[in-house]
Amino acid sequence: MEQNSIRIRTCLAVVNDGKILLVPHYDTDRGPVQWNIPGGKVNFEESIQQAAVREIFEETGLHAKVDRLLDVSEVFLPEKPWHSVTITFLGQIIDGNLQAEPAHPYGHKLPRWFTVEELEGLSYHPKDTVDKAFLEYSSDKYGQKQKQDPLA
């Protein structure tokens, strides 16, 4: 990454049956394992929605769709130097089989579904965004839509 540049990332948060899908990242500044919403960089001439759908497929093997914007967050680490902006969407799984990202340079990264209770004591990121995703799921509007028609 070029010095003094800003990294644009996009993520797709999916909550289904009261569980959120997260991917492990190893040896982070937060500890040996940090669980993240699936996502990554936006490629040149790729929309942020396309990037979110591509990234969740690459990291989980699941096909998904974007429903709407959930959150925008930033991370500043001047000592590295690192500055990233993450645009997170709320979405739904359409189909596929959960699997680890094949041949990942940092090893076997098997995604996992977590309840709010299972996240207690774990490092996960971005925390406020994960919390918002659970809040949206628990609201009647989004949670009921998911339960009634998960493939809509």
N, C-alpha and C. Protein backbone atom coordinates (compact mmCIF):
# COMPACT_ATOMS: atom_id res chain seq x y z
N MET A 1 0.84 -1.18 0.00
CA MET A 1 0.00 0.00 0.00
C MET A 1 0.88 1.24 0.00
N GLU A 2 0.53 2.17 -0.84
CA GLU A 2 1.29 3.40 -0.96
C GLU A 2 1.21 4.22 0.32
N GLN A 3 2.31 4.81 0.73
CA GLN A 3 2.36 5.68 1.91
C GLN A 3 1.32 6.78 1.78
N ASN A 4 0.61 7.08 2.85
CA ASN A 4 -0.39 8.14 2.91
C ASN A 4 -1.57 7.93 1.98
N SER A 5 -1.89 6.69 1.62
CA SER A 5 -3.08 6.43 0.82
C SER A 5 -4.17 5.86 1.72
N ILE A 6 -5.38 5.87 1.20
CA ILE A 6 -6.53 5.36 1.95
C ILE A 6 -7.04 4.11 1.25
N ARG A 7 -7.23 3.04 2.00
CA ARG A 7 -7.75 1.79 1.44
C ARG A 7 -9.27 1.80 1.56
N ILE A 8 -9.95 1.53 0.45
CA ILE A 8 -11.42 1.43 0.45
C ILE A 8 -11.77 -0.05 0.45
N ARG A 9 -12.56 -0.44 1.45
CA ARG A 9 -12.99 -1.82 1.61
C ARG A 9 -14.51 -1.87 1.61
N THR A 10 -15.06 -3.03 1.29
CA THR A 10 -16.49 -3.24 1.38
C THR A 10 -16.75 -4.61 2.00
N CYS A 11 -17.82 -4.70 2.78
CA CYS A 11 -18.17 -5.94 3.47
C CYS A 11 -19.65 -6.22 3.30
N LEU A 12 -20.01 -7.47 3.50
CA LEU A 12 -21.42 -7.86 3.46
C LEU A 12 -21.74 -8.62 4.73
N ALA A 13 -22.51 -7.98 5.61
CA ALA A 13 -22.94 -8.60 6.87
C ALA A 13 -24.21 -9.40 6.60
N VAL A 14 -24.19 -10.66 7.02
CA VAL A 14 -25.36 -11.52 6.88
C VAL A 14 -25.68 -12.10 8.25
N VAL A 15 -26.93 -11.87 8.69
CA VAL A 15 -27.42 -12.46 9.93
C VAL A 15 -28.59 -13.35 9.54
N ASN A 16 -28.51 -14.61 9.95
CA ASN A 16 -29.55 -15.58 9.62
C ASN A 16 -29.82 -16.44 10.84
N ASP A 17 -31.08 -16.60 11.19
CA ASP A 17 -31.46 -17.39 12.37
C ASP A 17 -30.73 -16.93 13.63
N GLY A 18 -30.54 -15.62 13.76
CA GLY A 18 -29.91 -15.06 14.96
C GLY A 18 -28.41 -15.23 15.03
N LYS A 19 -27.76 -15.58 13.90
CA LYS A 19 -26.31 -15.75 13.87
C LYS A 19 -25.72 -14.92 12.74
N ILE A 20 -24.53 -14.35 13.00
CA ILE A 20 -23.83 -13.58 11.98
C ILE A 20 -22.65 -14.38 11.45
N LEU A 21 -22.40 -14.24 10.16
CA LEU A 21 -21.30 -14.95 9.50
C LEU A 21 -20.03 -14.11 9.60
N LEU A 22 -18.97 -14.71 10.16
CA LEU A 22 -17.69 -14.03 10.32
C LEU A 22 -16.55 -14.93 9.82
N VAL A 23 -15.45 -14.29 9.44
CA VAL A 23 -14.28 -14.98 8.90
C VAL A 23 -13.09 -14.70 9.81
N PRO A 24 -12.29 -15.72 10.15
CA PRO A 24 -11.14 -15.47 11.02
C PRO A 24 -9.98 -14.79 10.28
N HIS A 25 -9.35 -13.85 10.97
CA HIS A 25 -8.10 -13.24 10.51
C HIS A 25 -7.08 -13.52 11.60
N TYR A 26 -5.91 -14.01 11.22
CA TYR A 26 -4.92 -14.46 12.18
C TYR A 26 -3.78 -13.46 12.38
N ASP A 27 -3.25 -13.48 13.60
CA ASP A 27 -2.10 -12.65 13.99
C ASP A 27 -2.32 -11.17 13.66
N THR A 28 -3.44 -10.64 14.15
CA THR A 28 -3.76 -9.23 13.94
C THR A 28 -3.22 -8.41 15.11
N ASP A 29 -3.37 -7.09 15.01
CA ASP A 29 -2.95 -6.24 16.12
C ASP A 29 -3.85 -6.41 17.33
N ARG A 30 -4.96 -7.12 17.19
CA ARG A 30 -5.90 -7.39 18.29
C ARG A 30 -5.69 -8.75 18.95
N GLY A 31 -4.76 -9.55 18.42
CA GLY A 31 -4.49 -10.86 19.01
C GLY A 31 -4.32 -11.93 17.97
N PRO A 32 -4.26 -13.19 18.42
CA PRO A 32 -4.00 -14.30 17.49
C PRO A 32 -5.13 -14.53 16.48
N VAL A 33 -6.39 -14.26 16.88
CA VAL A 33 -7.53 -14.43 15.97
C VAL A 33 -8.50 -13.27 16.18
N GLN A 34 -8.90 -12.67 15.10
CA GLN A 34 -9.95 -11.65 15.12
C GLN A 34 -10.97 -12.07 14.07
N TRP A 35 -12.25 -12.08 14.43
CA TRP A 35 -13.33 -12.48 13.53
C TRP A 35 -13.89 -11.24 12.84
N ASN A 36 -13.94 -11.28 11.50
CA ASN A 36 -14.35 -10.12 10.71
C ASN A 36 -15.55 -10.44 9.83
N ILE A 37 -16.33 -9.41 9.53
CA ILE A 37 -17.37 -9.52 8.53
C ILE A 37 -16.68 -9.78 7.19
N PRO A 38 -17.16 -10.75 6.39
CA PRO A 38 -16.51 -11.02 5.10
C PRO A 38 -16.44 -9.76 4.23
N GLY A 39 -15.27 -9.51 3.67
CA GLY A 39 -15.11 -8.34 2.82
C GLY A 39 -13.67 -8.12 2.44
N GLY A 40 -13.44 -7.06 1.68
CA GLY A 40 -12.08 -6.74 1.26
C GLY A 40 -12.06 -5.55 0.33
N LYS A 41 -10.99 -5.44 -0.42
CA LYS A 41 -10.78 -4.25 -1.24
C LYS A 41 -11.74 -4.20 -2.43
N VAL A 42 -11.97 -2.99 -2.88
CA VAL A 42 -12.77 -2.74 -4.07
C VAL A 42 -11.78 -2.63 -5.23
N ASN A 43 -12.00 -3.41 -6.28
CA ASN A 43 -11.14 -3.35 -7.46
C ASN A 43 -11.53 -2.18 -8.36
N PHE A 44 -10.58 -1.76 -9.17
CA PHE A 44 -10.82 -0.68 -10.12
C PHE A 44 -11.97 -1.06 -11.04
N GLU A 45 -12.90 -0.14 -11.26
CA GLU A 45 -14.09 -0.29 -12.10
C GLU A 45 -15.07 -1.34 -11.57
N GLU A 46 -15.04 -1.61 -10.29
CA GLU A 46 -15.98 -2.53 -9.65
C GLU A 46 -16.82 -1.70 -8.68
N SER A 47 -18.13 -1.89 -8.70
CA SER A 47 -18.96 -1.14 -7.75
C SER A 47 -18.75 -1.70 -6.34
N ILE A 48 -19.08 -0.90 -5.35
CA ILE A 48 -18.90 -1.36 -3.97
C ILE A 48 -19.83 -2.53 -3.66
N GLN A 49 -21.00 -2.56 -4.27
CA GLN A 49 -21.92 -3.69 -4.07
C GLN A 49 -21.36 -4.95 -4.73
N GLN A 50 -20.84 -4.82 -5.96
CA GLN A 50 -20.23 -5.97 -6.64
C GLN A 50 -19.06 -6.52 -5.82
N ALA A 51 -18.26 -5.63 -5.28
CA ALA A 51 -17.10 -6.06 -4.48
C ALA A 51 -17.56 -6.82 -3.24
N ALA A 52 -18.61 -6.35 -2.58
CA ALA A 52 -19.11 -7.03 -1.37
C ALA A 52 -19.58 -8.45 -1.70
N VAL A 53 -20.31 -8.60 -2.80
CA VAL A 53 -20.82 -9.91 -3.21
C VAL A 53 -19.65 -10.82 -3.62
N ARG A 54 -18.68 -10.28 -4.35
CA ARG A 54 -17.50 -11.06 -4.74
C ARG A 54 -16.70 -11.52 -3.53
N GLU A 55 -16.47 -10.59 -2.60
CA GLU A 55 -15.66 -10.90 -1.42
C GLU A 55 -16.32 -11.97 -0.54
N ILE A 56 -17.63 -11.88 -0.32
CA ILE A 56 -18.26 -12.90 0.53
C ILE A 56 -18.18 -14.27 -0.15
N PHE A 57 -18.30 -14.30 -1.47
CA PHE A 57 -18.16 -15.58 -2.17
C PHE A 57 -16.73 -16.12 -2.04
N GLU A 58 -15.74 -15.26 -2.28
CA GLU A 58 -14.34 -15.70 -2.19
C GLU A 58 -14.00 -16.22 -0.80
N GLU A 59 -14.51 -15.55 0.24
CA GLU A 59 -14.13 -15.90 1.61
C GLU A 59 -14.99 -16.99 2.24
N THR A 60 -16.18 -17.26 1.67
CA THR A 60 -17.09 -18.21 2.32
C THR A 60 -17.64 -19.29 1.41
N GLY A 61 -17.55 -19.10 0.08
CA GLY A 61 -18.16 -20.04 -0.86
C GLY A 61 -19.66 -19.84 -1.02
N LEU A 62 -20.20 -18.78 -0.42
CA LEU A 62 -21.64 -18.53 -0.45
C LEU A 62 -21.99 -17.40 -1.42
N HIS A 63 -23.03 -17.61 -2.20
CA HIS A 63 -23.56 -16.56 -3.07
C HIS A 63 -24.53 -15.74 -2.24
N ALA A 64 -24.45 -14.41 -2.38
CA ALA A 64 -25.28 -13.53 -1.56
C ALA A 64 -25.76 -12.36 -2.39
N LYS A 65 -26.68 -11.61 -1.81
CA LYS A 65 -27.13 -10.38 -2.44
C LYS A 65 -27.13 -9.27 -1.41
N VAL A 66 -26.96 -8.04 -1.90
CA VAL A 66 -26.96 -6.85 -1.06
C VAL A 66 -28.40 -6.37 -0.90
N ASP A 67 -28.79 -6.10 0.35
CA ASP A 67 -30.10 -5.51 0.61
C ASP A 67 -30.00 -4.00 0.73
N ARG A 68 -29.07 -3.55 1.58
CA ARG A 68 -28.95 -2.11 1.80
C ARG A 68 -27.68 -1.79 2.57
N LEU A 69 -27.36 -0.48 2.61
CA LEU A 69 -26.21 0.00 3.37
C LEU A 69 -26.47 -0.18 4.86
N LEU A 70 -25.47 -0.69 5.57
CA LEU A 70 -25.58 -0.86 7.02
C LEU A 70 -24.73 0.17 7.77
N ASP A 71 -23.48 0.38 7.33
CA ASP A 71 -22.57 1.22 8.12
C ASP A 71 -21.36 1.62 7.28
N VAL A 72 -20.72 2.71 7.69
CA VAL A 72 -19.43 3.12 7.14
C VAL A 72 -18.52 3.36 8.35
N SER A 73 -17.34 2.75 8.32
CA SER A 73 -16.41 2.89 9.45
C SER A 73 -15.00 3.15 8.93
N GLU A 74 -14.15 3.64 9.83
CA GLU A 74 -12.76 3.94 9.48
C GLU A 74 -11.82 3.37 10.53
N VAL A 75 -10.62 3.05 10.08
CA VAL A 75 -9.55 2.64 10.98
C VAL A 75 -8.33 3.50 10.64
N PHE A 76 -7.78 4.14 11.66
CA PHE A 76 -6.56 4.94 11.53
C PHE A 76 -5.48 4.29 12.39
N LEU A 77 -4.37 3.95 11.79
CA LEU A 77 -3.20 3.44 12.52
C LEU A 77 -1.99 4.21 12.00
N PRO A 78 -1.78 5.44 12.49
CA PRO A 78 -0.71 6.29 11.97
C PRO A 78 0.68 5.67 12.09
N GLU A 79 0.89 4.81 13.08
CA GLU A 79 2.21 4.22 13.28
C GLU A 79 2.57 3.20 12.20
N LYS A 80 1.59 2.68 11.44
CA LYS A 80 1.87 1.65 10.44
C LYS A 80 2.39 2.20 9.12
N PRO A 81 2.00 3.17 8.45
CA PRO A 81 0.76 3.95 8.50
C PRO A 81 -0.37 3.19 7.78
N TRP A 82 -1.57 3.33 8.32
CA TRP A 82 -2.75 2.63 7.78
C TRP A 82 -3.98 3.49 7.97
N HIS A 83 -4.76 3.63 6.92
CA HIS A 83 -6.05 4.31 6.98
C HIS A 83 -6.98 3.57 6.02
N SER A 84 -8.05 3.01 6.56
CA SER A 84 -9.01 2.31 5.71
C SER A 84 -10.42 2.82 5.99
N VAL A 85 -11.22 2.83 4.94
CA VAL A 85 -12.64 3.15 5.04
C VAL A 85 -13.38 1.89 4.61
N THR A 86 -14.28 1.42 5.47
CA THR A 86 -15.04 0.21 5.18
C THR A 86 -16.52 0.54 5.04
N ILE A 87 -17.08 0.15 3.91
CA ILE A 87 -18.50 0.33 3.62
C ILE A 87 -19.14 -1.03 3.78
N THR A 88 -20.05 -1.16 4.74
CA THR A 88 -20.66 -2.45 5.03
C THR A 88 -22.13 -2.44 4.64
N PHE A 89 -22.51 -3.46 3.90
CA PHE A 89 -23.89 -3.66 3.49
C PHE A 89 -24.49 -4.79 4.32
N LEU A 90 -25.80 -4.78 4.41
CA LEU A 90 -26.57 -5.87 5.01
C LEU A 90 -27.12 -6.68 3.85
N GLY A 91 -27.02 -7.99 3.92
CA GLY A 91 -27.46 -8.81 2.80
C GLY A 91 -27.97 -10.16 3.22
N GLN A 92 -28.21 -10.99 2.22
CA GLN A 92 -28.76 -12.31 2.43
C GLN A 92 -28.01 -13.34 1.60
N ILE A 93 -27.95 -14.56 2.10
CA ILE A 93 -27.36 -15.68 1.36
C ILE A 93 -28.40 -16.18 0.37
N ILE A 94 -27.95 -16.41 -0.86
CA ILE A 94 -28.84 -16.95 -1.89
C ILE A 94 -28.65 -18.46 -1.98
N ASP A 95 -27.39 -18.92 -2.08
CA ASP A 95 -27.09 -20.35 -2.07
C ASP A 95 -25.59 -20.56 -1.91
N GLY A 96 -25.17 -21.80 -2.00
CA GLY A 96 -23.76 -22.13 -1.87
C GLY A 96 -23.50 -23.00 -0.66
N ASN A 97 -22.26 -23.43 -0.53
CA ASN A 97 -21.83 -24.26 0.59
C ASN A 97 -20.72 -23.56 1.34
N LEU A 98 -20.87 -23.43 2.65
CA LEU A 98 -19.88 -22.75 3.47
C LEU A 98 -18.55 -23.49 3.40
N GLN A 99 -17.50 -22.75 3.10
CA GLN A 99 -16.16 -23.34 3.00
C GLN A 99 -15.11 -22.27 3.24
N ALA A 100 -13.91 -22.73 3.52
CA ALA A 100 -12.78 -21.81 3.71
C ALA A 100 -12.34 -21.30 2.35
N GLU A 101 -11.77 -20.10 2.35
CA GLU A 101 -11.22 -19.54 1.12
C GLU A 101 -10.07 -20.43 0.65
N PRO A 102 -10.14 -20.94 -0.58
CA PRO A 102 -9.11 -21.87 -1.04
C PRO A 102 -7.73 -21.21 -1.17
N ALA A 103 -6.71 -21.94 -0.77
CA ALA A 103 -5.29 -21.53 -0.93
C ALA A 103 -5.03 -20.12 -0.42
N HIS A 104 -5.59 -19.78 0.73
CA HIS A 104 -5.35 -18.44 1.29
C HIS A 104 -3.92 -18.36 1.81
N PRO A 105 -3.22 -17.25 1.54
CA PRO A 105 -1.82 -17.15 1.96
C PRO A 105 -1.60 -17.19 3.48
N TYR A 106 -2.66 -16.90 4.27
CA TYR A 106 -2.52 -16.92 5.72
C TYR A 106 -3.08 -18.18 6.35
N GLY A 107 -3.29 -19.22 5.54
CA GLY A 107 -3.73 -20.50 6.07
C GLY A 107 -5.22 -20.73 5.97
N HIS A 108 -5.69 -21.76 6.66
CA HIS A 108 -7.08 -22.21 6.63
C HIS A 108 -7.97 -21.22 7.39
N LYS A 109 -8.84 -20.54 6.67
CA LYS A 109 -9.72 -19.53 7.27
C LYS A 109 -11.17 -19.96 7.12
N LEU A 110 -11.63 -20.88 7.96
CA LEU A 110 -13.00 -21.40 7.87
C LEU A 110 -13.98 -20.41 8.50
N PRO A 111 -14.92 -19.87 7.71
CA PRO A 111 -15.93 -18.96 8.25
C PRO A 111 -16.82 -19.69 9.25
N ARG A 112 -17.49 -18.91 10.09
CA ARG A 112 -18.33 -19.51 11.13
C ARG A 112 -19.49 -18.58 11.45
N TRP A 113 -20.63 -19.16 11.81
CA TRP A 113 -21.80 -18.41 12.26
C TRP A 113 -21.74 -18.26 13.77
N PHE A 114 -22.01 -17.04 14.29
CA PHE A 114 -21.95 -16.76 15.72
C PHE A 114 -23.25 -16.11 16.20
N THR A 115 -23.70 -16.50 17.38
CA THR A 115 -24.76 -15.76 18.07
C THR A 115 -24.10 -14.61 18.83
N VAL A 116 -24.90 -13.69 19.32
CA VAL A 116 -24.37 -12.60 20.14
C VAL A 116 -23.64 -13.17 21.35
N GLU A 117 -24.21 -14.17 21.97
CA GLU A 117 -23.61 -14.77 23.17
C GLU A 117 -22.26 -15.42 22.87
N GLU A 118 -22.14 -16.05 21.70
CA GLU A 118 -20.89 -16.72 21.34
C GLU A 118 -19.75 -15.72 21.08
N LEU A 119 -20.10 -14.47 20.77
CA LEU A 119 -19.09 -13.46 20.51
C LEU A 119 -18.49 -12.87 21.79
N GLU A 120 -19.17 -13.08 22.92
CA GLU A 120 -18.66 -12.55 24.18
C GLU A 120 -17.26 -13.10 24.45
N GLY A 121 -16.32 -12.20 24.69
CA GLY A 121 -14.95 -12.59 24.98
C GLY A 121 -14.09 -12.82 23.75
N LEU A 122 -14.68 -12.74 22.56
CA LEU A 122 -13.91 -12.90 21.33
C LEU A 122 -13.59 -11.53 20.73
N SER A 123 -12.52 -11.46 19.97
CA SER A 123 -12.19 -10.24 19.24
C SER A 123 -12.89 -10.32 17.89
N TYR A 124 -13.71 -9.30 17.59
CA TYR A 124 -14.37 -9.23 16.28
C TYR A 124 -14.40 -7.80 15.80
N HIS A 125 -14.51 -7.67 14.45
CA HIS A 125 -14.34 -6.35 13.84
C HIS A 125 -15.20 -6.21 12.59
N PRO A 126 -15.70 -5.04 12.34
CA PRO A 126 -15.80 -3.89 13.24
C PRO A 126 -16.93 -4.09 14.24
N LYS A 127 -16.61 -3.95 15.52
CA LYS A 127 -17.53 -4.26 16.60
C LYS A 127 -18.85 -3.51 16.48
N ASP A 128 -18.80 -2.20 16.26
CA ASP A 128 -20.05 -1.43 16.16
C ASP A 128 -20.91 -1.89 15.00
N THR A 129 -20.28 -2.28 13.90
CA THR A 129 -21.02 -2.73 12.72
C THR A 129 -21.66 -4.09 12.97
N VAL A 130 -20.93 -5.01 13.60
CA VAL A 130 -21.50 -6.31 13.96
C VAL A 130 -22.71 -6.10 14.88
N ASP A 131 -22.55 -5.22 15.87
CA ASP A 131 -23.66 -4.93 16.79
C ASP A 131 -24.86 -4.36 16.04
N LYS A 132 -24.62 -3.48 15.07
CA LYS A 132 -25.72 -2.91 14.26
C LYS A 132 -26.42 -3.99 13.44
N ALA A 133 -25.65 -4.93 12.90
CA ALA A 133 -26.25 -6.01 12.10
C ALA A 133 -27.19 -6.84 12.95
N PHE A 134 -26.78 -7.17 14.18
CA PHE A 134 -27.67 -7.91 15.08
C PHE A 134 -28.91 -7.10 15.43
N LEU A 135 -28.73 -5.81 15.65
CA LEU A 135 -29.86 -4.94 15.98
C LEU A 135 -30.85 -4.89 14.82
N GLU A 136 -30.35 -4.77 13.60
CA GLU A 136 -31.22 -4.76 12.42
C GLU A 136 -31.97 -6.08 12.28
N TYR A 137 -31.26 -7.18 12.52
CA TYR A 137 -31.88 -8.50 12.40
C TYR A 137 -33.02 -8.65 13.40
N SER A 138 -32.79 -8.15 14.61
CA SER A 138 -33.80 -8.32 15.67
C SER A 138 -35.01 -7.42 15.47
N SER A 139 -34.88 -6.38 14.63
CA SER A 139 -36.04 -5.52 14.37
C SER A 139 -37.05 -6.30 13.55
N ASP A 140 -38.29 -6.05 13.75
CA ASP A 140 -39.35 -6.77 13.04
C ASP A 140 -39.21 -6.64 11.53
N LYS A 141 -38.87 -5.46 11.06
CA LYS A 141 -38.83 -5.21 9.63
C LYS A 141 -37.84 -6.13 8.92
N TYR A 142 -36.59 -6.17 9.37
CA TYR A 142 -35.59 -6.96 8.66
C TYR A 142 -35.64 -8.43 9.08
N GLY A 143 -35.72 -8.69 10.37
CA GLY A 143 -35.73 -10.07 10.86
C GLY A 143 -36.89 -10.88 10.32
N GLN A 144 -38.07 -10.29 10.24
CA GLN A 144 -39.23 -11.01 9.72
C GLN A 144 -39.09 -11.26 8.22
N LYS A 145 -38.54 -10.30 7.49
CA LYS A 145 -38.32 -10.48 6.05
C LYS A 145 -37.37 -11.66 5.82
N GLN A 146 -36.28 -11.74 6.59
CA GLN A 146 -35.33 -12.82 6.45
C GLN A 146 -36.00 -14.17 6.72
N LYS A 147 -36.79 -14.25 7.78
CA LYS A 147 -37.41 -15.51 8.16
C LYS A 147 -38.46 -15.95 7.15
N GLN A 148 -39.21 -14.98 6.59
CA GLN A 148 -40.28 -15.34 5.67
C GLN A 148 -39.77 -15.74 4.30
N ASP A 149 -38.75 -15.06 3.80
CA ASP A 149 -38.32 -15.28 2.43
C ASP A 149 -36.81 -15.09 2.31
N PRO A 150 -36.00 -16.10 2.73
CA PRO A 150 -34.55 -15.93 2.73
C PRO A 150 -33.92 -15.83 1.34
N LEU A 151 -34.64 -16.22 0.30
CA LEU A 151 -34.06 -16.15 -1.04
C LEU A 151 -34.60 -14.99 -1.86
N ALA A 152 -35.40 -14.10 -1.23
CA ALA A 152 -35.96 -12.97 -1.98
C ALA A 152 -34.90 -11.97 -2.34
